[in-house]
Amino acid sequence: MTLRRHLSSLPLPTAADFPRWAYEPKSYFNFEVIHQSKKSLARVGRIHTPHGTIDTPGFVAVATNAALKAVDFPKADKAGQQLCFANTYHLMLQPGTKVIKDAGGIHNFTGRDRPFITDSGGFQVFSLKHGSVKESLESRGELKRSTVKNKPHWRSGITGANAVKVTEDHVIFKSYRDGSKIILSPESSIQAQKDIGADVIIPLDELPPHHIDRDLLAESVERSHRWEARSLQEHLKDSRERQQAIFCVVHGGTDVELRTKSIDYLTTLPWDGYAIGGSLGNGRDELRELLDWMMPLFSIGERSNVESVHNAVERGVDTMDSSYPTKLARCGTLMTKNGLIRIKQGKHSKSHGVKIDEDCGCDTCNHYDRSYLWHLFKANEPVALQLATVHNIHFMNNLMSELRQQILSDKI
């Protein structure tokens, strides 16, 4: 028997392998549908967590190291931010999950009493091999930056084709901080997220590149299912005491059969919500096409640039995490209803009294004009990054609020 045939024959846990109580409603976490659009799959809802309510559809800001770039949590929260996304992989390496656990969890550690979600670490681990989404698409899944020019260095094996070793039991990679070997399994990923203490956690899954042989993609989907089931079993050992929810991750790339198979299997298990993982296509058109046929397949539970947001909301996606708005802000690009403003351009130097966006009520727009922001960026003043970030976070949350109102009116 070949290894491939052996792995494909490994049994998957079924609904009967999980305790009956796991399928029952939870007092500490639930999703409330406020309104289902009569025009599309869009819906308005509320996710109730131990640390507050999340209005949906909602924007999820990425706080990689349990911190948003260039702005603190109080300012982001004032700009309407409800749910923040922290990265388990980075927090495992610095400061270490034990430090966060000893502080009483991520809410005490950061001083933020609003909802957090953490990922499994899988996305960051597999990006060491394939690169970012953009790099993976451009290199067709063959990242080539694993060597340091002219001299050996411990960092030379951290990224590239041989940077990550995958076994049925776990994944092995090197720390980007000191080159030490790290083993991440479904069970250890869950335990790390238990120590961090977010309101919502994610099972370990495998992230294949967009350009991948279909047989290899099918193997990856099956492995992710096995890893996710193991993660769920580990989570349920103390889920009621910890009061954490767990979302699964649907895989299959843009392959209709594999995505359908993933949905069919994962929706039989006692998850608290569903995230859409893996490759979502090469561009907006492929993403829109993927959501068109995939979202109607969900019959139960939670379904996790502005045009992409509209496409997702119309097709029933409830939350969207992205680092795009805060990255734009740090580059001096501000988001408005009329498009992007590149505030470093000279034409803004004399825009005295002109707000970034006349309809915006964020602290930045209420106190400063385009001319002053132009000056701050040209002078490399650190406060420029904060003011731009506050504006973009407010813009995203205001956009989601307006979309919710349009859904309530059945305009979407």
Protein backbone atom coordinates (compact mmCIF):
# COMPACT_ATOMS: atom_id res chain seq x y z
CA MET A 1 0.00 0.00 0.00
CA THR A 2 1.37 3.42 -0.93
CA LEU A 3 1.59 6.18 1.67
CA ARG A 4 -0.96 8.24 -0.27
CA ARG A 5 -3.48 5.40 -0.30
CA HIS A 6 -2.84 4.71 3.38
CA LEU A 7 -3.50 8.32 4.40
CA SER A 8 -6.67 8.56 2.34
CA SER A 9 -8.00 5.47 4.10
CA LEU A 10 -7.51 6.85 7.63
CA PRO A 11 -10.93 7.04 9.31
CA LEU A 12 -12.50 10.39 10.11
CA PRO A 13 -14.33 10.86 13.41
CA THR A 14 -18.09 11.03 12.95
CA ALA A 15 -20.81 12.89 14.82
CA ALA A 16 -21.23 9.85 17.05
CA ASP A 17 -17.63 10.24 18.29
CA PHE A 18 -18.46 13.53 20.02
CA PRO A 19 -20.50 13.99 23.21
CA ARG A 20 -24.18 14.85 22.79
CA TRP A 21 -23.87 17.93 25.01
CA ALA A 22 -21.43 19.45 22.51
CA TYR A 23 -24.32 19.88 20.05
CA GLU A 24 -26.49 21.75 22.56
CA PRO A 25 -26.79 25.58 22.71
CA LYS A 26 -24.22 27.35 24.89
CA SER A 27 -25.11 30.01 27.43
CA TYR A 28 -21.79 31.83 26.94
CA PHE A 29 -21.75 31.90 23.13
CA ASN A 30 -24.52 32.13 20.58
CA PHE A 31 -25.47 33.71 17.28
CA GLU A 32 -28.70 35.65 16.93
CA VAL A 33 -30.15 36.38 13.50
CA ILE A 34 -31.81 39.80 13.56
CA HIS A 35 -32.90 39.95 9.93
CA GLN A 36 -32.50 37.80 6.82
CA SER A 37 -32.55 39.81 3.61
CA LYS A 38 -35.37 39.08 1.20
CA LYS A 39 -33.09 40.02 -1.67
CA SER A 40 -29.92 37.96 -1.07
CA LEU A 41 -28.14 35.68 1.40
CA ALA A 42 -27.11 38.75 3.42
CA ARG A 43 -28.23 38.84 7.04
CA VAL A 44 -27.87 41.02 10.11
CA GLY A 45 -26.99 39.27 13.34
CA ARG A 46 -25.26 39.45 16.69
CA ILE A 47 -22.60 37.11 18.07
CA HIS A 48 -22.82 37.03 21.86
CA THR A 49 -19.53 36.23 23.64
CA PRO A 50 -18.29 36.40 27.26
CA HIS A 51 -16.62 39.73 26.42
CA GLY A 52 -19.36 41.48 24.53
CA THR A 53 -21.50 41.44 21.43
CA ILE A 54 -20.30 41.49 17.82
CA ASP A 55 -22.66 43.02 15.26
CA THR A 56 -22.64 41.25 11.91
CA PRO A 57 -21.76 41.69 9.14
CA GLY A 58 -18.66 43.02 10.85
CA PHE A 59 -15.07 43.97 10.19
CA VAL A 60 -12.38 42.15 12.20
CA ALA A 61 -9.16 44.10 12.68
CA VAL A 62 -5.90 42.12 12.72
CA ALA A 63 -3.88 42.55 15.91
CA THR A 64 -1.04 40.18 15.02
CA ASN A 65 0.96 40.44 18.26
CA ALA A 66 -2.09 41.20 20.42
CA ALA A 67 -1.67 44.79 19.30
CA LEU A 68 -2.95 46.81 16.38
CA LYS A 69 -0.25 48.52 14.34
CA ALA A 70 0.13 52.25 15.11
CA VAL A 71 -2.91 52.59 17.39
CA ASP A 72 -3.87 51.33 20.84
CA PHE A 73 -7.04 49.41 21.61
CA PRO A 74 -8.97 52.24 23.33
CA LYS A 75 -8.70 54.42 20.23
CA ALA A 76 -9.64 51.52 17.95
CA ASP A 77 -12.56 50.58 20.17
CA LYS A 78 -13.77 54.20 20.09
CA ALA A 79 -13.61 53.95 16.28
CA GLY A 80 -16.13 51.11 16.50
CA GLN A 81 -13.89 48.05 16.64
CA GLN A 82 -15.58 45.07 18.30
CA LEU A 83 -13.70 41.87 17.34
CA CYS A 84 -9.91 41.73 16.99
CA PHE A 85 -7.84 38.90 15.53
CA ALA A 86 -4.57 37.85 17.21
CA ASN A 87 -2.08 35.37 15.75
CA THR A 88 -1.22 32.29 17.82
CA TYR A 89 1.97 31.62 15.86
CA HIS A 90 3.47 35.01 16.70
CA LEU A 91 2.29 34.95 20.31
CA MET A 92 3.82 31.49 20.81
CA LEU A 93 7.20 32.93 19.85
CA GLN A 94 6.83 36.26 21.67
CA PRO A 95 6.00 36.67 24.52
CA GLY A 96 5.09 32.97 24.80
CA THR A 97 1.62 31.73 25.68
CA LYS A 98 2.59 31.05 29.31
CA VAL A 99 3.23 34.75 29.85
CA ILE A 100 -0.26 35.56 28.57
CA LYS A 101 -1.80 32.75 30.63
CA ASP A 102 -0.04 33.95 33.80
CA ALA A 103 -1.42 37.45 33.14
CA GLY A 104 -4.92 35.99 33.20
CA GLY A 105 -5.43 35.67 29.45
CA ILE A 106 -5.34 38.03 26.51
CA HIS A 107 -8.06 40.34 27.85
CA ASN A 108 -6.16 41.02 31.09
CA PHE A 109 -2.83 41.07 29.27
CA THR A 110 -3.96 43.77 26.83
CA GLY A 111 -6.40 45.56 29.13
CA ARG A 112 -9.12 45.13 26.48
CA ASP A 113 -12.50 43.79 27.59
CA ARG A 114 -13.89 43.17 24.11
CA PRO A 115 -13.95 39.97 22.02
CA PHE A 116 -10.80 38.38 20.58
CA ILE A 117 -10.36 35.57 18.10
CA THR A 118 -7.11 33.64 17.59
CA ASP A 119 -6.06 31.47 14.68
CA SER A 120 -4.34 28.09 14.95
CA GLY A 121 -0.95 29.26 13.70
CA GLY A 122 -1.32 27.14 10.58
CA PHE A 123 -1.60 30.04 8.13
CA GLN A 124 1.66 31.62 9.31
CA VAL A 125 3.48 28.27 9.43
CA PHE A 126 2.56 27.34 5.87
CA SER A 127 3.31 30.85 4.63
CA LEU A 128 6.94 30.12 5.59
CA LYS A 129 6.87 27.57 2.78
CA HIS A 130 4.63 29.25 0.21
CA GLY A 131 4.92 32.93 1.13
CA SER A 132 2.09 35.42 1.47
CA VAL A 133 -1.06 34.99 -0.61
CA LYS A 134 0.37 37.46 -3.15
CA GLU A 135 3.75 35.70 -3.24
CA SER A 136 2.10 32.28 -3.55
CA LEU A 137 0.04 33.41 -6.53
CA GLU A 138 3.00 35.08 -8.24
CA SER A 139 5.38 32.15 -7.67
CA ARG A 140 2.72 29.50 -8.30
CA GLY A 141 3.35 28.06 -4.83
CA GLU A 142 7.14 27.82 -5.12
CA LEU A 143 8.57 30.41 -2.74
CA LYS A 144 12.24 31.02 -3.44
CA ARG A 145 13.71 33.11 -0.65
CA SER A 146 15.19 30.50 1.65
CA THR A 147 18.86 31.47 1.35
CA VAL A 148 20.89 34.45 2.51
CA LYS A 149 23.25 35.91 -0.09
CA ASN A 150 26.99 35.15 0.20
CA LYS A 151 27.02 33.55 3.65
CA PRO A 152 25.32 30.83 5.68
CA HIS A 153 22.89 32.03 8.31
CA TRP A 154 20.41 30.39 10.65
CA ARG A 155 17.61 32.26 8.89
CA SER A 156 18.39 30.54 5.59
CA GLY A 157 16.19 27.53 6.39
CA ILE A 158 13.23 29.42 7.83
CA THR A 159 11.41 30.05 4.54
CA GLY A 160 11.18 28.21 1.26
CA ALA A 161 10.29 24.79 -0.07
CA ASN A 162 12.06 22.86 2.72
CA ALA A 163 11.14 25.17 5.58
CA VAL A 164 8.13 23.20 6.79
CA LYS A 165 7.86 19.44 7.36
CA VAL A 166 4.35 18.00 7.51
CA THR A 167 3.54 14.62 9.07
CA GLU A 168 0.20 13.08 9.92
CA ASP A 169 0.77 13.94 13.56
CA HIS A 170 2.14 17.48 13.38
CA VAL A 171 4.03 20.17 11.47
CA ILE A 172 7.67 21.10 12.13
CA PHE A 173 9.15 24.52 11.39
CA LYS A 174 11.77 26.97 12.67
CA SER A 175 11.24 30.09 14.74
CA TYR A 176 11.81 33.26 12.74
CA ARG A 177 13.20 34.81 15.93
CA ASP A 178 16.06 32.45 16.76
CA GLY A 179 15.89 29.47 14.39
CA SER A 180 14.83 26.98 17.08
CA LYS A 181 12.74 23.97 16.02
CA ILE A 182 9.04 24.14 16.84
CA ILE A 183 6.50 21.32 16.63
CA LEU A 184 2.87 22.29 16.24
CA SER A 185 0.13 19.65 16.47
CA PRO A 186 -3.67 19.99 16.57
CA GLU A 187 -3.56 19.41 20.30
CA SER A 188 -0.70 21.83 21.06
CA SER A 189 -2.30 24.53 18.91
CA ILE A 190 -5.53 24.25 20.89
CA GLN A 191 -3.66 24.29 24.19
CA ALA A 192 -1.76 27.42 23.10
CA GLN A 193 -5.07 29.11 22.28
CA LYS A 194 -6.52 27.99 25.61
CA ASP A 195 -3.59 29.70 27.33
CA ILE A 196 -4.14 32.86 25.29
CA GLY A 197 -7.82 32.77 26.22
CA ALA A 198 -9.56 34.31 23.20
CA ASP A 199 -13.35 34.13 22.92
CA VAL A 200 -13.12 32.21 19.62
CA ILE A 201 -10.38 29.77 18.64
CA ILE A 202 -9.54 27.95 15.39
CA PRO A 203 -8.42 24.32 14.80
CA LEU A 204 -5.12 23.52 13.15
CA ASP A 205 -5.45 23.13 9.39
CA GLU A 206 -3.16 22.93 6.39
CA LEU A 207 -2.95 25.84 3.97
CA PRO A 208 -2.10 24.65 0.44
CA PRO A 209 -1.17 27.21 -2.25
CA HIS A 210 -3.58 28.28 -4.99
CA HIS A 211 -1.53 26.48 -7.65
CA ILE A 212 -1.50 22.86 -6.50
CA ASP A 213 -2.08 19.48 -8.11
CA ARG A 214 -5.65 18.34 -7.45
CA ASP A 215 -4.62 15.02 -5.92
CA LEU A 216 -2.36 16.87 -3.48
CA LEU A 217 -5.17 19.31 -2.72
CA ALA A 218 -7.52 16.40 -1.97
CA GLU A 219 -4.93 14.92 0.41
CA SER A 220 -4.54 18.29 2.10
CA VAL A 221 -8.30 18.66 2.61
CA GLU A 222 -8.49 15.19 4.17
CA ARG A 223 -5.53 15.95 6.44
CA SER A 224 -7.12 19.22 7.51
CA HIS A 225 -10.33 17.35 8.36
CA ARG A 226 -8.40 14.90 10.54
CA TRP A 227 -6.47 17.70 12.23
CA GLU A 228 -9.61 19.74 12.80
CA ALA A 229 -11.43 16.78 14.33
CA ARG A 230 -8.49 16.19 16.67
CA SER A 231 -8.49 19.89 17.55
CA LEU A 232 -12.20 19.74 18.36
CA GLN A 233 -11.73 16.70 20.59
CA GLU A 234 -8.97 18.50 22.48
CA HIS A 235 -11.09 21.64 22.79
CA LEU A 236 -14.11 19.82 24.22
CA LYS A 237 -12.11 18.45 27.15
CA ASP A 238 -12.64 21.72 29.03
CA SER A 239 -14.64 23.97 26.69
CA ARG A 240 -17.45 24.60 29.17
CA GLU A 241 -15.05 25.65 31.93
CA ARG A 242 -13.02 27.87 29.58
CA GLN A 243 -16.11 29.34 27.89
CA GLN A 244 -14.46 29.49 24.49
CA ALA A 245 -16.08 28.86 21.13
CA ILE A 246 -14.37 27.08 18.23
CA PHE A 247 -14.88 27.66 14.50
CA CYS A 248 -13.85 25.07 11.92
CA VAL A 249 -12.16 25.96 8.62
CA VAL A 250 -13.71 24.84 5.33
CA HIS A 251 -11.15 23.89 2.66
CA GLY A 252 -11.00 22.75 -0.94
CA GLY A 253 -9.59 25.76 -2.80
CA THR A 254 -11.73 26.69 -5.79
CA ASP A 255 -12.62 23.05 -6.45
CA VAL A 256 -16.41 22.63 -6.22
CA GLU A 257 -16.32 18.94 -5.34
CA LEU A 258 -13.69 19.30 -2.61
CA ARG A 259 -15.30 22.39 -1.07
CA THR A 260 -18.66 20.62 -1.04
CA LYS A 261 -17.10 17.54 0.56
CA SER A 262 -15.48 19.72 3.22
CA ILE A 263 -18.77 21.46 4.04
CA ASP A 264 -20.68 18.17 4.10
CA TYR A 265 -18.27 16.67 6.62
CA LEU A 266 -17.58 19.63 8.88
CA THR A 267 -21.24 20.61 9.29
CA THR A 268 -21.91 17.22 10.94
CA LEU A 269 -19.61 18.07 13.87
CA PRO A 270 -20.35 20.33 16.88
CA TRP A 271 -18.59 23.53 15.78
CA ASP A 272 -19.74 26.95 16.95
CA GLY A 273 -19.10 28.57 13.59
CA TYR A 274 -17.54 28.14 10.15
CA ALA A 275 -14.59 29.95 8.59
CA ILE A 276 -13.68 29.89 4.90
CA GLY A 277 -10.02 28.90 4.53
CA GLY A 278 -7.54 27.87 1.88
CA SER A 279 -7.27 29.54 -1.50
CA LEU A 280 -10.21 31.83 -2.28
CA GLY A 281 -9.20 32.25 -5.90
CA ASN A 282 -6.95 34.58 -7.87
CA GLY A 283 -8.72 37.92 -7.65
CA ARG A 284 -12.19 39.32 -6.96
CA ASP A 285 -13.94 37.51 -9.81
CA GLU A 286 -12.85 34.06 -8.63
CA LEU A 287 -13.74 34.96 -5.02
CA ARG A 288 -17.21 36.09 -6.09
CA GLU A 289 -17.72 32.93 -8.13
CA LEU A 290 -16.54 30.78 -5.20
CA LEU A 291 -18.96 32.43 -2.77
CA ASP A 292 -21.85 32.21 -5.26
CA TRP A 293 -21.93 28.42 -5.27
CA MET A 294 -20.46 27.76 -1.83
CA MET A 295 -22.49 29.89 0.59
CA PRO A 296 -25.89 28.32 -0.24
CA LEU A 297 -24.42 24.95 0.83
CA PHE A 298 -24.33 26.09 4.46
CA SER A 299 -27.59 25.14 6.12
CA ILE A 300 -26.70 25.76 9.77
CA GLY A 301 -24.55 27.84 12.09
CA GLU A 302 -22.19 30.75 11.67
CA ARG A 303 -20.76 31.78 8.32
CA SER A 304 -17.55 33.70 8.74
CA ASN A 305 -11.08 46.73 -0.72
CA VAL A 306 -14.77 47.75 -0.40
CA GLU A 307 -15.97 45.89 -3.49
CA SER A 308 -14.84 42.58 -1.98
CA VAL A 309 -16.69 43.41 1.24
CA HIS A 310 -19.93 44.04 -0.65
CA ASN A 311 -19.49 40.78 -2.59
CA ALA A 312 -19.00 38.82 0.63
CA VAL A 313 -21.87 40.44 2.54
CA GLU A 314 -24.37 39.85 -0.28
CA ARG A 315 -23.41 36.19 -0.26
CA GLY A 316 -23.97 35.68 3.46
CA VAL A 317 -20.52 36.14 5.03
CA ASP A 318 -20.87 37.45 8.58
CA THR A 319 -17.36 38.60 9.51
CA MET A 320 -14.26 39.51 7.51
CA ASP A 321 -10.77 39.88 8.96
CA SER A 322 -8.19 41.95 7.12
CA SER A 323 -4.97 43.83 7.80
CA TYR A 324 -5.49 45.83 4.59
CA PRO A 325 -7.02 49.00 6.16
CA THR A 326 -4.28 49.41 8.76
CA LYS A 327 -1.52 48.62 6.23
CA LEU A 328 -2.94 51.26 3.89
CA ALA A 329 -2.94 53.79 6.72
CA ARG A 330 0.74 53.26 7.49
CA CYS A 331 1.52 53.94 3.83
CA GLY A 332 -0.40 57.22 3.89
CA THR A 333 -3.45 55.89 2.03
CA LEU A 334 -6.82 56.84 3.47
CA MET A 335 -10.14 55.15 2.72
CA THR A 336 -13.21 57.17 1.72
CA LYS A 337 -16.55 56.53 0.05
CA ASN A 338 -15.17 58.17 -3.08
CA GLY A 339 -12.04 56.02 -3.23
CA LEU A 340 -8.54 56.06 -1.79
CA ILE A 341 -6.71 59.27 -0.90
CA ARG A 342 -2.91 59.23 -1.03
CA ILE A 343 -2.28 61.94 1.49
CA LYS A 344 1.44 62.27 0.72
CA GLN A 345 0.70 63.77 -2.69
CA GLY A 346 1.62 67.43 -2.97
CA LYS A 347 -1.86 68.50 -4.01
CA HIS A 348 -2.98 68.02 -0.40
CA SER A 349 -0.44 70.52 1.00
CA LYS A 350 -2.89 73.42 0.65
CA SER A 351 -6.09 71.54 1.49
CA HIS A 352 -6.70 73.77 4.50
CA GLY A 353 -9.93 73.01 6.31
CA VAL A 354 -10.66 70.01 4.07
CA LYS A 355 -11.46 66.82 5.97
CA ILE A 356 -10.33 63.42 4.73
CA ASP A 357 -13.99 62.59 4.21
CA GLU A 358 -16.73 65.18 4.73
CA ASP A 359 -19.13 62.51 6.04
CA CYS A 360 -16.66 60.94 8.48
CA GLY A 361 -17.08 61.44 12.22
CA CYS A 362 -13.82 59.85 13.41
CA ASP A 363 -11.51 61.68 15.82
CA THR A 364 -9.00 62.33 13.05
CA CYS A 365 -11.54 63.99 10.75
CA ASN A 366 -13.05 65.93 13.64
CA HIS A 367 -9.73 67.54 14.55
CA TYR A 368 -7.40 67.63 11.54
CA ASP A 369 -7.49 68.53 7.86
CA ARG A 370 -5.74 67.08 4.83
CA SER A 371 -3.03 69.74 4.81
CA TYR A 372 -1.89 68.91 8.34
CA LEU A 373 -1.93 65.17 7.68
CA TRP A 374 0.10 65.75 4.50
CA HIS A 375 2.65 67.63 6.62
CA LEU A 376 2.82 64.91 9.28
CA PHE A 377 3.51 62.17 6.71
CA LYS A 378 6.08 64.23 4.82
CA ALA A 379 7.83 65.04 8.10
CA ASN A 380 7.76 61.36 9.11
CA GLU A 381 5.98 62.17 12.36
CA PRO A 382 4.91 58.94 14.10
CA VAL A 383 1.52 60.41 15.04
CA ALA A 384 0.62 60.44 11.33
CA LEU A 385 0.37 56.64 11.39
CA GLN A 386 -1.96 56.73 14.37
CA LEU A 387 -4.28 59.35 12.90
CA ALA A 388 -4.49 57.57 9.55
CA THR A 389 -5.12 54.20 11.23
CA VAL A 390 -7.91 55.58 13.42
CA HIS A 391 -9.58 56.96 10.30
CA ASN A 392 -9.35 53.72 8.30
CA ILE A 393 -10.61 51.58 11.18
CA HIS A 394 -13.52 53.97 11.67
CA PHE A 395 -14.22 53.89 7.93
CA MET A 396 -14.42 50.09 7.88
CA ASN A 397 -16.69 49.88 10.91
CA ASN A 398 -18.92 52.66 9.58
CA LEU A 399 -19.08 50.83 6.23
CA MET A 400 -20.25 47.67 7.95
CA SER A 401 -22.85 49.63 9.94
CA GLU A 402 -24.23 51.12 6.73
CA LEU A 403 -24.34 47.67 5.12
CA ARG A 404 -26.30 46.34 8.09
CA GLN A 405 -28.83 49.14 7.64
CA GLN A 406 -29.14 48.33 3.92
CA ILE A 407 -29.78 44.67 4.75
CA LEU A 408 -32.41 45.61 7.33
CA SER A 409 -34.13 47.60 4.55
CA ASP A 410 -33.77 44.67 2.11
CA LYS A 411 -31.72 46.84 -0.24
CA ILE A 412 -28.96 44.21 -0.33
